[in-house]
Amino acid sequence: MLRLLKIILITITLFSMQGEIAETLHFMVLPVGRKVCTFDDLLPCIEKITLLSDEEDRILEAHEDALPS
């Protein structure tokens, strides 16, 4: 049960991060965003995408290791 709760919490965090990334990228392609954003502004998005990938791997591994119900 604790493992399932942990997986749910990680999943919620991942969805939250995806929203932040989408909002940032959306702003960056708007005319205003293109004028004020630089490549350095993309680095936090790239770091979050990397973290998402790592967390996804953790979730899949935890799910595979879980005992069958």
N, C-alpha and C. Protein backbone atom coordinates (compact mmCIF):
# COMPACT_ATOMS: atom_id res chain seq x y z
N MET A 1 0.83 -1.19 0.00
CA MET A 1 0.00 0.00 0.00
C MET A 1 0.87 1.26 0.00
N LEU A 2 1.95 1.24 0.80
CA LEU A 2 2.85 2.38 0.86
C LEU A 2 3.54 2.61 -0.48
N ARG A 3 3.89 1.55 -1.15
CA ARG A 3 4.54 1.66 -2.46
C ARG A 3 3.58 2.29 -3.47
N LEU A 4 2.31 1.90 -3.43
CA LEU A 4 1.31 2.47 -4.34
C LEU A 4 1.15 3.96 -4.07
N LEU A 5 1.09 4.35 -2.80
CA LEU A 5 0.97 5.76 -2.45
C LEU A 5 2.18 6.54 -2.95
N LYS A 6 3.35 5.97 -2.82
CA LYS A 6 4.57 6.63 -3.29
C LYS A 6 4.53 6.81 -4.81
N ILE A 7 4.07 5.81 -5.53
CA ILE A 7 3.95 5.89 -6.99
C ILE A 7 2.95 6.97 -7.37
N ILE A 8 1.84 7.05 -6.65
CA ILE A 8 0.82 8.07 -6.94
C ILE A 8 1.39 9.46 -6.71
N LEU A 9 2.11 9.66 -5.61
CA LEU A 9 2.69 10.97 -5.32
C LEU A 9 3.73 11.38 -6.35
N ILE A 10 4.54 10.44 -6.78
CA ILE A 10 5.54 10.73 -7.81
C ILE A 10 4.85 11.09 -9.12
N THR A 11 3.78 10.39 -9.45
CA THR A 11 3.04 10.65 -10.68
C THR A 11 2.43 12.05 -10.66
N ILE A 12 1.86 12.44 -9.54
CA ILE A 12 1.30 13.79 -9.41
C ILE A 12 2.38 14.84 -9.60
N THR A 13 3.53 14.62 -9.01
CA THR A 13 4.65 15.55 -9.17
C THR A 13 5.06 15.65 -10.63
N LEU A 14 5.10 14.52 -11.32
CA LEU A 14 5.51 14.52 -12.72
C LEU A 14 4.52 15.31 -13.58
N PHE A 15 3.22 15.13 -13.33
CA PHE A 15 2.22 15.89 -14.08
C PHE A 15 2.36 17.38 -13.83
N SER A 16 2.67 17.74 -12.60
CA SER A 16 2.87 19.15 -12.26
C SER A 16 4.06 19.71 -13.03
N MET A 17 5.14 18.96 -13.08
CA MET A 17 6.33 19.40 -13.79
C MET A 17 6.05 19.52 -15.29
N GLN A 18 5.26 18.61 -15.84
CA GLN A 18 4.92 18.69 -17.25
C GLN A 18 4.16 19.97 -17.55
N GLY A 19 3.28 20.36 -16.64
CA GLY A 19 2.54 21.60 -16.81
C GLY A 19 3.45 22.81 -16.81
N GLU A 20 4.42 22.83 -15.89
CA GLU A 20 5.37 23.94 -15.84
C GLU A 20 6.19 24.02 -17.13
N ILE A 21 6.62 22.88 -17.62
CA ILE A 21 7.41 22.86 -18.84
C ILE A 21 6.58 23.36 -20.01
N ALA A 22 5.34 22.88 -20.11
CA ALA A 22 4.47 23.31 -21.21
C ALA A 22 4.21 24.81 -21.17
N GLU A 23 3.96 25.35 -19.98
CA GLU A 23 3.72 26.79 -19.85
C GLU A 23 4.95 27.59 -20.27
N THR A 24 6.12 27.15 -19.84
CA THR A 24 7.35 27.86 -20.18
C THR A 24 7.59 27.83 -21.68
N LEU A 25 7.47 26.65 -22.28
CA LEU A 25 7.71 26.54 -23.71
C LEU A 25 6.68 27.32 -24.51
N HIS A 26 5.43 27.31 -24.04
CA HIS A 26 4.38 28.07 -24.73
C HIS A 26 4.72 29.56 -24.71
N PHE A 27 5.15 30.09 -23.56
CA PHE A 27 5.52 31.49 -23.47
C PHE A 27 6.68 31.81 -24.39
N MET A 28 7.62 30.89 -24.48
CA MET A 28 8.83 31.16 -25.26
C MET A 28 8.55 31.25 -26.75
N VAL A 29 7.47 30.64 -27.22
CA VAL A 29 7.16 30.71 -28.66
C VAL A 29 6.24 31.86 -28.99
N LEU A 30 5.67 32.52 -27.99
CA LEU A 30 4.87 33.71 -28.24
C LEU A 30 5.79 34.85 -28.68
N PRO A 31 5.26 35.82 -29.44
CA PRO A 31 6.11 36.94 -29.87
C PRO A 31 6.83 37.64 -28.71
N VAL A 32 6.14 37.89 -27.61
CA VAL A 32 6.77 38.52 -26.46
C VAL A 32 7.88 37.64 -25.90
N GLY A 33 7.61 36.34 -25.77
CA GLY A 33 8.60 35.41 -25.24
C GLY A 33 9.84 35.30 -26.11
N ARG A 34 9.62 35.34 -27.41
CA ARG A 34 10.78 35.25 -28.33
C ARG A 34 11.69 36.45 -28.17
N LYS A 35 11.13 37.59 -27.79
CA LYS A 35 11.93 38.80 -27.63
C LYS A 35 12.73 38.80 -26.33
N VAL A 36 12.20 38.17 -25.29
CA VAL A 36 12.85 38.26 -23.97
C VAL A 36 13.55 36.99 -23.52
N CYS A 37 13.24 35.87 -24.13
CA CYS A 37 13.82 34.59 -23.69
C CYS A 37 15.11 34.28 -24.44
N THR A 38 16.00 33.61 -23.73
CA THR A 38 17.27 33.18 -24.33
C THR A 38 17.40 31.68 -24.16
N PHE A 39 18.46 31.15 -24.73
CA PHE A 39 18.72 29.71 -24.59
C PHE A 39 18.88 29.32 -23.12
N ASP A 40 19.45 30.22 -22.33
CA ASP A 40 19.64 29.93 -20.90
C ASP A 40 18.30 29.71 -20.19
N ASP A 41 17.24 30.32 -20.71
CA ASP A 41 15.92 30.11 -20.13
C ASP A 41 15.40 28.70 -20.39
N LEU A 42 15.95 28.04 -21.39
CA LEU A 42 15.54 26.67 -21.69
C LEU A 42 16.18 25.63 -20.76
N LEU A 43 17.30 25.98 -20.16
CA LEU A 43 18.03 25.01 -19.34
C LEU A 43 17.19 24.43 -18.21
N PRO A 44 16.40 25.22 -17.47
CA PRO A 44 15.55 24.60 -16.44
C PRO A 44 14.55 23.59 -17.02
N CYS A 45 14.04 23.89 -18.22
CA CYS A 45 13.12 22.95 -18.87
C CYS A 45 13.83 21.65 -19.22
N ILE A 46 15.03 21.78 -19.74
CA ILE A 46 15.80 20.59 -20.10
C ILE A 46 16.10 19.75 -18.85
N GLU A 47 16.44 20.42 -17.76
CA GLU A 47 16.71 19.71 -16.50
C GLU A 47 15.45 19.00 -16.01
N LYS A 48 14.30 19.66 -16.11
CA LYS A 48 13.05 19.05 -15.67
C LYS A 48 12.67 17.86 -16.54
N ILE A 49 12.91 17.98 -17.85
CA ILE A 49 12.61 16.86 -18.75
C ILE A 49 13.50 15.66 -18.40
N THR A 50 14.76 15.93 -18.09
CA THR A 50 15.67 14.86 -17.69
C THR A 50 15.18 14.21 -16.39
N LEU A 51 14.76 15.03 -15.45
CA LEU A 51 14.23 14.52 -14.19
C LEU A 51 12.97 13.70 -14.41
N LEU A 52 12.11 14.16 -15.31
CA LEU A 52 10.90 13.40 -15.64
C LEU A 52 11.24 12.02 -16.16
N SER A 53 12.22 11.96 -17.02
CA SER A 53 12.64 10.68 -17.59
C SER A 53 13.16 9.74 -16.49
N ASP A 54 13.97 10.29 -15.59
CA ASP A 54 14.51 9.48 -14.50
C ASP A 54 13.40 8.99 -13.57
N GLU A 55 12.45 9.88 -13.26
CA GLU A 55 11.35 9.50 -12.37
C GLU A 55 10.45 8.46 -13.03
N GLU A 56 10.24 8.60 -14.33
CA GLU A 56 9.43 7.62 -15.04
C GLU A 56 10.08 6.23 -14.94
N ASP A 57 11.39 6.19 -15.08
CA ASP A 57 12.10 4.93 -14.94
C ASP A 57 11.91 4.35 -13.54
N ARG A 58 11.97 5.22 -12.52
CA ARG A 58 11.78 4.76 -11.14
C ARG A 58 10.38 4.19 -10.94
N ILE A 59 9.38 4.83 -11.51
CA ILE A 59 8.00 4.36 -11.36
C ILE A 59 7.85 3.00 -12.02
N LEU A 60 8.40 2.87 -13.23
CA LEU A 60 8.28 1.59 -13.94
C LEU A 60 8.99 0.48 -13.18
N GLU A 61 10.16 0.78 -12.63
CA GLU A 61 10.89 -0.23 -11.86
C GLU A 61 10.11 -0.62 -10.60
N ALA A 62 9.55 0.37 -9.90
CA ALA A 62 8.77 0.07 -8.69
C ALA A 62 7.54 -0.76 -9.03
N HIS A 63 6.93 -0.46 -10.16
CA HIS A 63 5.75 -1.21 -10.56
C HIS A 63 6.12 -2.65 -10.91
N GLU A 64 7.25 -2.83 -11.58
CA GLU A 64 7.69 -4.18 -11.94
C GLU A 64 8.09 -4.99 -10.72
N ASP A 65 8.63 -4.31 -9.69
CA ASP A 65 9.07 -5.00 -8.47
C ASP A 65 7.92 -5.29 -7.52
N ALA A 66 6.78 -4.64 -7.71
CA ALA A 66 5.65 -4.81 -6.80
C ALA A 66 5.14 -6.26 -6.87
N LEU A 67 4.71 -6.72 -5.73
CA LEU A 67 4.14 -8.07 -5.68
C LEU A 67 2.80 -8.10 -6.38
N PRO A 68 2.49 -9.17 -7.08
CA PRO A 68 1.17 -9.27 -7.73
C PRO A 68 0.07 -9.31 -6.67
N SER A 69 -1.06 -8.68 -6.98
CA SER A 69 -2.18 -8.65 -6.03
C SER A 69 -2.94 -9.94 -6.05
